[in-house]
């Protein structure tokens, strides 16, 4: 009375098998690394761009009276903001390329797409990505360290303000002596001829309570975290691309062309 074969069930099973093959062909390490890279670069570029603008406002308002004193810093900020635009575009495209390379390597390994096999050109391309990724990771390690400098400066500034507030409760003349200061010239933000170049005593404590200070501090922390996430993504890329290349070399030795 009932047919043994049900066409709709066969179609459903066929669709299920296709979905399983597609899921198995996804390069999950490269996908995770791409998502980390995009998230990290979004934080680093977006927050870093705004933090640089806030830094110029902070220095111009509280550490320099003459526009010529921070002209070099303003030019550097403008230049680095353009560099940020280029970094965002480059890593967006590079993430797509590495993700595509991961799909290629996974497909070659699982042989899920017919004649799409490991080739000499594909192995050379994988080796190129390995070299470029290692170089980028080394360079980005320096960027990660460099992004910690403004965080360190603002952290010291906040701690100095905290000490001033504590001492002000027991030493009413702290603002007259002005022996606790933060000098922007020591960190290379301003030339040594800049006036005043530093902020001392309760004046410094009042600077730490401004909106500009807290916004700048938070933005630099977010940019620093974004640089760290991007560095982690590059390490994952290094592992994924090295593994993919090793597997493709193994397939090549077995005669899969």
C-alpha atoms as a PDB file:
ATOM      1  CA  UNK A   1       0.000   0.000   0.000  1.00  0.00           C
ATOM      2  CA  UNK A   2       2.895   2.398   0.747  1.00  0.00           C
ATOM      3  CA  UNK A   3       5.825   2.889  -1.620  1.00  0.00           C
ATOM      4  CA  UNK A   4       9.162   1.781  -0.333  1.00  0.00           C
ATOM      5  CA  UNK A   5      11.040   4.693  -1.843  1.00  0.00           C
ATOM      6  CA  UNK A   6       9.915   8.198  -1.070  1.00  0.00           C
ATOM      7  CA  UNK A   7      11.389  10.810  -3.456  1.00  0.00           C
ATOM      8  CA  UNK A   8      11.082  13.673  -0.992  1.00  0.00           C
ATOM      9  CA  UNK A   9      13.069  11.724   1.599  1.00  0.00           C
ATOM     10  CA  UNK A  10      15.833  10.982  -0.905  1.00  0.00           C
ATOM     11  CA  UNK A  11      16.006  14.649  -1.861  1.00  0.00           C
ATOM     12  CA  UNK A  12      16.157  15.638   1.797  1.00  0.00           C
ATOM     13  CA  UNK A  13      18.972  13.176   2.471  1.00  0.00           C
ATOM     14  CA  UNK A  14      20.837  14.424  -0.576  1.00  0.00           C
ATOM     15  CA  UNK A  15      20.511  18.009   0.634  1.00  0.00           C
ATOM     16  CA  UNK A  16      21.706  16.937   4.074  1.00  0.00           C
ATOM     17  CA  UNK A  17      24.785  15.252   2.611  1.00  0.00           C
ATOM     18  CA  UNK A  18      25.562  18.348   0.554  1.00  0.00           C
ATOM     19  CA  UNK A  19      25.288  20.536   3.637  1.00  0.00           C
ATOM     20  CA  UNK A  20      27.619  18.224   5.554  1.00  0.00           C
ATOM     21  CA  UNK A  21      30.183  18.368   2.728  1.00  0.00           C
ATOM     22  CA  UNK A  22      29.943  22.156   2.599  1.00  0.00           C
ATOM     23  CA  UNK A  23      30.360  22.471   6.373  1.00  0.00           C
ATOM     24  CA  UNK A  24      33.332  20.113   6.228  1.00  0.00           C
ATOM     25  CA  UNK A  25      34.957  22.294   3.565  1.00  0.00           C
ATOM     26  CA  UNK A  26      34.876  25.446   5.736  1.00  0.00           C
ATOM     27  CA  UNK A  27      38.379  26.424   6.980  1.00  0.00           C
ATOM     28  CA  UNK A  28      37.401  27.212  10.555  1.00  0.00           C
ATOM     29  CA  UNK A  29      40.840  28.422  11.753  1.00  0.00           C
ATOM     30  CA  UNK A  30      41.064  30.866   8.844  1.00  0.00           C
ATOM     31  CA  UNK A  31      37.466  31.944   9.427  1.00  0.00           C
ATOM     32  CA  UNK A  32      38.102  32.597  13.132  1.00  0.00           C
ATOM     33  CA  UNK A  33      41.322  34.445  12.318  1.00  0.00           C
ATOM     34  CA  UNK A  34      39.503  36.606   9.756  1.00  0.00           C
ATOM     35  CA  UNK A  35      36.787  37.533  12.239  1.00  0.00           C
ATOM     36  CA  UNK A  36      39.421  38.351  14.874  1.00  0.00           C
ATOM     37  CA  UNK A  37      41.386  40.397  12.350  1.00  0.00           C
ATOM     38  CA  UNK A  38      38.367  42.438  11.313  1.00  0.00           C
ATOM     39  CA  UNK A  39      37.281  43.020  14.913  1.00  0.00           C
ATOM     40  CA  UNK A  40      40.790  44.018  15.966  1.00  0.00           C
ATOM     41  CA  UNK A  41      41.331  46.353  13.044  1.00  0.00           C
ATOM     42  CA  UNK A  42      37.929  47.963  13.602  1.00  0.00           C
ATOM     43  CA  UNK A  43      38.911  48.743  17.195  1.00  0.00           C
ATOM     44  CA  UNK A  44      42.449  49.820  16.368  1.00  0.00           C
ATOM     45  CA  UNK A  45      41.587  52.007  13.380  1.00  0.00           C
ATOM     46  CA  UNK A  46      38.327  53.484  14.643  1.00  0.00           C
ATOM     47  CA  UNK A  47      39.394  54.163  18.220  1.00  0.00           C
ATOM     48  CA  UNK A  48      42.951  55.039  17.225  1.00  0.00           C
ATOM     49  CA  UNK A  49      41.778  57.635  14.716  1.00  0.00           C
ATOM     50  CA  UNK A  50      39.519  59.319  17.255  1.00  0.00           C
ATOM     51  CA  UNK A  51      42.106  59.051  20.035  1.00  0.00           C
ATOM     52  CA  UNK A  52      44.662  60.924  17.940  1.00  0.00           C
ATOM     53  CA  UNK A  53      42.186  63.744  17.376  1.00  0.00           C
ATOM     54  CA  UNK A  54      41.434  63.899  21.102  1.00  0.00           C
ATOM     55  CA  UNK A  55      45.173  63.930  21.868  1.00  0.00           C
ATOM     56  CA  UNK A  56      45.634  67.032  19.764  1.00  0.00           C
ATOM     57  CA  UNK A  57      42.804  68.755  21.622  1.00  0.00           C
ATOM     58  CA  UNK A  58      44.215  67.702  25.004  1.00  0.00           C
ATOM     59  CA  UNK A  59      47.761  68.889  24.253  1.00  0.00           C
ATOM     60  CA  UNK A  60      46.604  72.093  22.602  1.00  0.00           C
ATOM     61  CA  UNK A  61      44.359  72.997  25.531  1.00  0.00           C
ATOM     62  CA  UNK A  62      46.514  72.099  28.534  1.00  0.00           C
ATOM     63  CA  UNK A  63      50.164  71.719  27.485  1.00  0.00           C
ATOM     64  CA  UNK A  64      50.910  74.221  24.707  1.00  0.00           C
ATOM     65  CA  UNK A  65      50.094  77.904  24.332  1.00  0.00           C
ATOM     66  CA  UNK A  66      51.601  78.471  20.913  1.00  0.00           C
ATOM     67  CA  UNK A  67      50.321  76.668  17.812  1.00  0.00           C
ATOM     68  CA  UNK A  68      53.880  76.289  16.529  1.00  0.00           C
ATOM     69  CA  UNK A  69      54.769  74.189  19.572  1.00  0.00           C
ATOM     70  CA  UNK A  70      52.477  71.343  18.532  1.00  0.00           C
ATOM     71  CA  UNK A  71      52.636  71.860  14.750  1.00  0.00           C
ATOM     72  CA  UNK A  72      54.915  68.832  14.320  1.00  0.00           C
ATOM     73  CA  UNK A  73      52.655  66.689  16.480  1.00  0.00           C
ATOM     74  CA  UNK A  74      49.581  67.847  14.543  1.00  0.00           C
ATOM     75  CA  UNK A  75      51.273  66.958  11.247  1.00  0.00           C
ATOM     76  CA  UNK A  76      52.239  63.531  12.611  1.00  0.00           C
ATOM     77  CA  UNK A  77      48.665  62.917  13.788  1.00  0.00           C
ATOM     78  CA  UNK A  78      47.267  63.841  10.391  1.00  0.00           C
ATOM     79  CA  UNK A  79      49.806  61.611   8.641  1.00  0.00           C
ATOM     80  CA  UNK A  80      49.123  58.655  10.920  1.00  0.00           C
ATOM     81  CA  UNK A  81      45.374  59.017  10.424  1.00  0.00           C
ATOM     82  CA  UNK A  82      45.923  58.515   6.695  1.00  0.00           C
ATOM     83  CA  UNK A  83      48.067  55.481   7.528  1.00  0.00           C
ATOM     84  CA  UNK A  84      45.129  54.106   9.518  1.00  0.00           C
ATOM     85  CA  UNK A  85      42.898  54.370   6.438  1.00  0.00           C
ATOM     86  CA  UNK A  86      45.449  52.389   4.451  1.00  0.00           C
ATOM     87  CA  UNK A  87      45.811  49.755   7.186  1.00  0.00           C
ATOM     88  CA  UNK A  88      42.065  49.206   7.350  1.00  0.00           C
ATOM     89  CA  UNK A  89      41.819  48.712   3.583  1.00  0.00           C
ATOM     90  CA  UNK A  90      44.876  46.456   3.410  1.00  0.00           C
ATOM     91  CA  UNK A  91      43.815  44.117   6.216  1.00  0.00           C
ATOM     92  CA  UNK A  92      40.284  43.917   4.843  1.00  0.00           C
ATOM     93  CA  UNK A  93      41.598  42.660   1.496  1.00  0.00           C
ATOM     94  CA  UNK A  94      44.305  40.499   3.034  1.00  0.00           C
ATOM     95  CA  UNK A  95      41.757  38.793   5.295  1.00  0.00           C
ATOM     96  CA  UNK A  96      39.665  37.919   2.236  1.00  0.00           C
ATOM     97  CA  UNK A  97      42.720  36.498   0.454  1.00  0.00           C
ATOM     98  CA  UNK A  98      43.723  34.357   3.423  1.00  0.00           C
ATOM     99  CA  UNK A  99      40.189  33.107   3.882  1.00  0.00           C
ATOM    100  CA  UNK A 100      40.048  32.178   0.193  1.00  0.00           C
ATOM    101  CA  UNK A 101      43.397  30.406   0.543  1.00  0.00           C
ATOM    102  CA  UNK A 102      41.985  28.478   3.488  1.00  0.00           C
ATOM    103  CA  UNK A 103      38.984  27.403   1.409  1.00  0.00           C
ATOM    104  CA  UNK A 104      41.335  26.324  -1.379  1.00  0.00           C
ATOM    105  CA  UNK A 105      43.529  24.267   0.943  1.00  0.00           C
ATOM    106  CA  UNK A 106      40.572  22.634   2.671  1.00  0.00           C
ATOM    107  CA  UNK A 107      38.974  21.785  -0.656  1.00  0.00           C
ATOM    108  CA  UNK A 108      42.214  20.319  -1.955  1.00  0.00           C
ATOM    109  CA  UNK A 109      42.539  18.165   1.122  1.00  0.00           C
ATOM    110  CA  UNK A 110      38.979  16.897   1.202  1.00  0.00           C
ATOM    111  CA  UNK A 111      38.742  16.751  -2.622  1.00  0.00           C
ATOM    112  CA  UNK A 112      35.179  17.993  -2.449  1.00  0.00           C
ATOM    113  CA  UNK A 113      35.061  19.959  -5.668  1.00  0.00           C
ATOM    114  CA  UNK A 114      35.970  17.651  -8.483  1.00  0.00           C
ATOM    115  CA  UNK A 115      39.242  18.605 -10.158  1.00  0.00           C
ATOM    116  CA  UNK A 116      40.015  21.399  -7.719  1.00  0.00           C
ATOM    117  CA  UNK A 117      43.175  19.719  -6.413  1.00  0.00           C
ATOM    118  CA  UNK A 118      46.527  20.681  -4.991  1.00  0.00           C
ATOM    119  CA  UNK A 119      48.703  22.217  -7.720  1.00  0.00           C
ATOM    120  CA  UNK A 120      52.215  23.583  -7.863  1.00  0.00           C
ATOM    121  CA  UNK A 121      50.833  27.101  -8.260  1.00  0.00           C
ATOM    122  CA  UNK A 122      48.561  26.619  -5.256  1.00  0.00           C
ATOM    123  CA  UNK A 123      51.441  25.463  -3.094  1.00  0.00           C
ATOM    124  CA  UNK A 124      53.586  28.429  -4.171  1.00  0.00           C
ATOM    125  CA  UNK A 125      50.685  30.760  -3.337  1.00  0.00           C
ATOM    126  CA  UNK A 126      50.328  29.177   0.097  1.00  0.00           C
ATOM    127  CA  UNK A 127      54.059  29.591   0.728  1.00  0.00           C
ATOM    128  CA  UNK A 128      53.807  33.259  -0.277  1.00  0.00           C
ATOM    129  CA  UNK A 129      50.991  33.811   2.210  1.00  0.00           C
ATOM    130  CA  UNK A 130      53.083  32.166   4.931  1.00  0.00           C
ATOM    131  CA  UNK A 131      56.015  34.505   4.328  1.00  0.00           C
ATOM    132  CA  UNK A 132      53.848  37.616   4.114  1.00  0.00           C
ATOM    133  CA  UNK A 133      51.933  36.661   7.261  1.00  0.00           C
ATOM    134  CA  UNK A 134      55.135  36.083   9.240  1.00  0.00           C
ATOM    135  CA  UNK A 135      56.485  39.466   8.133  1.00  0.00           C
ATOM    136  CA  UNK A 136      53.188  41.165   9.004  1.00  0.00           C
ATOM    137  CA  UNK A 137      53.130  39.523  12.431  1.00  0.00           C
ATOM    138  CA  UNK A 138      56.655  40.788  13.141  1.00  0.00           C
ATOM    139  CA  UNK A 139      55.753  44.318  12.024  1.00  0.00           C
ATOM    140  CA  UNK A 140      52.476  44.287  13.906  1.00  0.00           C
ATOM    141  CA  UNK A 141      54.279  43.219  17.064  1.00  0.00           C
ATOM    142  CA  UNK A 142      56.111  46.547  16.876  1.00  0.00           C
ATOM    143  CA  UNK A 143      52.811  48.374  16.263  1.00  0.00           C
ATOM    144  CA  UNK A 144      51.319  46.614  19.281  1.00  0.00           C
ATOM    145  CA  UNK A 145      54.235  47.772  21.450  1.00  0.00           C
ATOM    146  CA  UNK A 146      54.032  51.297  20.026  1.00  0.00           C
ATOM    147  CA  UNK A 147      50.293  51.510  20.798  1.00  0.00           C
ATOM    148  CA  UNK A 148      51.092  50.898  24.476  1.00  0.00           C
ATOM    149  CA  UNK A 149      53.044  54.183  24.756  1.00  0.00           C
ATOM    150  CA  UNK A 150      50.039  56.556  24.940  1.00  0.00           C
ATOM    151  CA  UNK A 151      48.283  54.160  27.319  1.00  0.00           C
ATOM    152  CA  UNK A 152      51.375  54.211  29.539  1.00  0.00           C
ATOM    153  CA  UNK A 153      51.546  58.018  29.424  1.00  0.00           C
ATOM    154  CA  UNK A 154      47.873  58.516  30.310  1.00  0.00           C
ATOM    155  CA  UNK A 155      48.035  55.824  32.992  1.00  0.00           C
ATOM    156  CA  UNK A 156      50.962  57.635  34.626  1.00  0.00           C
ATOM    157  CA  UNK A 157      49.054  60.885  34.336  1.00  0.00           C
ATOM    158  CA  UNK A 158      46.021  59.389  36.045  1.00  0.00           C
ATOM    159  CA  UNK A 159      48.143  57.904  38.830  1.00  0.00           C
ATOM    160  CA  UNK A 160      49.873  61.248  39.331  1.00  0.00           C
ATOM    161  CA  UNK A 161      46.514  62.973  39.632  1.00  0.00           C
ATOM    162  CA  UNK A 162      45.427  60.343  42.134  1.00  0.00           C
ATOM    163  CA  UNK A 163      48.533  61.002  44.238  1.00  0.00           C
ATOM    164  CA  UNK A 164      47.911  64.741  44.057  1.00  0.00           C
ATOM    165  CA  UNK A 165      44.370  64.325  45.317  1.00  0.00           C
ATOM    166  CA  UNK A 166      45.612  62.230  48.237  1.00  0.00           C
ATOM    167  CA  UNK A 167      48.388  64.677  49.132  1.00  0.00           C
ATOM    168  CA  UNK A 168      46.047  67.651  48.800  1.00  0.00           C
ATOM    169  CA  UNK A 169      44.072  66.371  51.778  1.00  0.00           C
ATOM    170  CA  UNK A 170      47.152  66.599  54.034  1.00  0.00           C
ATOM    171  CA  UNK A 171      49.282  69.210  52.238  1.00  0.00           C
ATOM    172  CA  UNK A 172      47.263  72.343  51.404  1.00  0.00           C
ATOM    173  CA  UNK A 173      50.253  74.081  49.755  1.00  0.00           C
ATOM    174  CA  UNK A 174      50.837  71.389  47.115  1.00  0.00           C
ATOM    175  CA  UNK A 175      49.624  73.648  44.316  1.00  0.00           C
ATOM    176  CA  UNK A 176      51.986  76.446  45.383  1.00  0.00           C
ATOM    177  CA  UNK A 177      55.041  74.211  45.328  1.00  0.00           C
ATOM    178  CA  UNK A 178      54.023  72.445  42.118  1.00  0.00           C
ATOM    179  CA  UNK A 179      56.542  69.675  42.660  1.00  0.00           C
ATOM    180  CA  UNK A 180      54.325  66.967  41.136  1.00  0.00           C
ATOM    181  CA  UNK A 181      54.052  67.415  37.364  1.00  0.00           C
ATOM    182  CA  UNK A 182      53.451  65.651  34.077  1.00  0.00           C
ATOM    183  CA  UNK A 183      55.744  66.876  31.328  1.00  0.00           C
ATOM    184  CA  UNK A 184      54.538  66.132  27.777  1.00  0.00           C
ATOM    185  CA  UNK A 185      57.978  67.078  26.445  1.00  0.00           C
ATOM    186  CA  UNK A 186      59.578  64.055  28.118  1.00  0.00           C
ATOM    187  CA  UNK A 187      57.429  61.736  25.976  1.00  0.00           C
ATOM    188  CA  UNK A 188      58.262  63.502  22.727  1.00  0.00           C
ATOM    189  CA  UNK A 189      54.794  64.995  22.291  1.00  0.00           C
ATOM    190  CA  UNK A 190      56.174  68.547  22.319  1.00  0.00           C
ATOM    191  CA  UNK A 191      59.587  70.149  21.678  1.00  0.00           C
ATOM    192  CA  UNK A 192      61.627  71.200  24.707  1.00  0.00           C
ATOM    193  CA  UNK A 193      61.029  74.850  23.842  1.00  0.00           C
ATOM    194  CA  UNK A 194      57.241  74.463  24.228  1.00  0.00           C
ATOM    195  CA  UNK A 195      55.547  76.460  26.965  1.00  0.00           C
ATOM    196  CA  UNK A 196      54.358  75.476  29.450  1.00  0.00           C
ATOM    197  CA  UNK A 197      54.912  71.910  28.217  1.00  0.00           C
ATOM    198  CA  UNK A 198      53.885  70.505  31.572  1.00  0.00           C
ATOM    199  CA  UNK A 199      51.041  70.634  34.060  1.00  0.00           C
ATOM    200  CA  UNK A 200      51.585  70.574  37.814  1.00  0.00           C
ATOM    201  CA  UNK A 201      49.799  70.367  41.121  1.00  0.00           C
ATOM    202  CA  UNK A 202      46.061  70.828  41.349  1.00  0.00           C
ATOM    203  CA  UNK A 203      46.040  72.136  37.786  1.00  0.00           C
ATOM    204  CA  UNK A 204      47.074  68.678  36.641  1.00  0.00           C
ATOM    205  CA  UNK A 205      44.450  67.102  38.905  1.00  0.00           C
ATOM    206  CA  UNK A 206      41.776  69.244  37.302  1.00  0.00           C
ATOM    207  CA  UNK A 207      42.943  68.174  33.834  1.00  0.00           C
ATOM    208  CA  UNK A 208      42.444  64.531  34.785  1.00  0.00           C
ATOM    209  CA  UNK A 209      38.832  65.262  35.648  1.00  0.00           C
ATOM    210  CA  UNK A 210      37.971  66.628  32.214  1.00  0.00           C
ATOM    211  CA  UNK A 211      35.957  64.773  29.612  1.00  0.00           C
ATOM    212  CA  UNK A 212      38.767  65.041  27.071  1.00  0.00           C
ATOM    213  CA  UNK A 213      41.134  63.097  29.325  1.00  0.00           C
ATOM    214  CA  UNK A 214      38.801  60.187  30.054  1.00  0.00           C
ATOM    215  CA  UNK A 215      37.624  59.893  26.457  1.00  0.00           C
ATOM    216  CA  UNK A 216      41.207  59.903  25.174  1.00  0.00           C
ATOM    217  CA  UNK A 217      42.314  57.356  27.764  1.00  0.00           C
ATOM    218  CA  UNK A 218      39.458  54.965  26.978  1.00  0.00           C
ATOM    219  CA  UNK A 219      40.020  55.282  23.234  1.00  0.00           C
ATOM    220  CA  UNK A 220      43.711  54.452  23.524  1.00  0.00           C
ATOM    221  CA  UNK A 221      42.927  51.424  25.681  1.00  0.00           C
ATOM    222  CA  UNK A 222      40.437  50.219  23.053  1.00  0.00           C
ATOM    223  CA  UNK A 223      42.982  50.818  20.268  1.00  0.00           C
ATOM    224  CA  UNK A 224      45.612  48.908  22.242  1.00  0.00           C
ATOM    225  CA  UNK A 225      43.190  46.014  22.715  1.00  0.00           C
ATOM    226  CA  UNK A 226      42.393  46.092  18.992  1.00  0.00           C
ATOM    227  CA  UNK A 227      46.092  45.862  18.156  1.00  0.00           C
ATOM    228  CA  UNK A 228      46.378  42.853  20.463  1.00  0.00           C
ATOM    229  CA  UNK A 229      43.391  41.124  18.854  1.00  0.00           C
ATOM    230  CA  UNK A 230      44.875  41.733  15.407  1.00  0.00           C
ATOM    231  CA  UNK A 231      48.205  40.286  16.550  1.00  0.00           C
ATOM    232  CA  UNK A 232      46.375  37.211  17.841  1.00  0.00           C
ATOM    233  CA  UNK A 233      44.605  36.895  14.477  1.00  0.00           C
ATOM    234  CA  UNK A 234      47.952  37.002  12.675  1.00  0.00           C
ATOM    235  CA  UNK A 235      49.290  34.227  14.917  1.00  0.00           C
ATOM    236  CA  UNK A 236      46.241  32.095  14.086  1.00  0.00           C
ATOM    237  CA  UNK A 237      46.796  32.881  10.397  1.00  0.00           C
ATOM    238  CA  UNK A 238      50.414  31.762  10.738  1.00  0.00           C
ATOM    239  CA  UNK A 239      49.364  28.432  12.218  1.00  0.00           C
ATOM    240  CA  UNK A 240      46.586  27.904   9.658  1.00  0.00           C
ATOM    241  CA  UNK A 241      48.658  28.815   6.599  1.00  0.00           C
ATOM    242  CA  UNK A 242      51.631  26.723   7.768  1.00  0.00           C
ATOM    243  CA  UNK A 243      49.372  23.720   8.331  1.00  0.00           C
ATOM    244  CA  UNK A 244      47.660  24.185   4.963  1.00  0.00           C
ATOM    245  CA  UNK A 245      50.980  24.392   3.168  1.00  0.00           C
ATOM    246  CA  UNK A 246      52.270  21.276   4.940  1.00  0.00           C
ATOM    247  CA  UNK A 247      49.173  19.321   3.915  1.00  0.00           C
ATOM    248  CA  UNK A 248      49.388  20.540   0.317  1.00  0.00           C
ATOM    249  CA  UNK A 249      53.041  19.500   0.189  1.00  0.00           C
ATOM    250  CA  UNK A 250      52.045  16.077   1.481  1.00  0.00           C
ATOM    251  CA  UNK A 251      49.403  15.764  -1.224  1.00  0.00           C
ATOM    252  CA  UNK A 252      51.934  16.841  -3.835  1.00  0.00           C
ATOM    253  CA  UNK A 253      54.374  14.113  -2.762  1.00  0.00           C
ATOM    254  CA  UNK A 254      51.579  11.547  -3.072  1.00  0.00           C
ATOM    255  CA  UNK A 255      51.183  12.568  -6.685  1.00  0.00           C
ATOM    256  CA  UNK A 256      47.942  14.543  -6.398  1.00  0.00           C
ATOM    257  CA  UNK A 257      48.177  17.225  -9.071  1.00  0.00           C
END
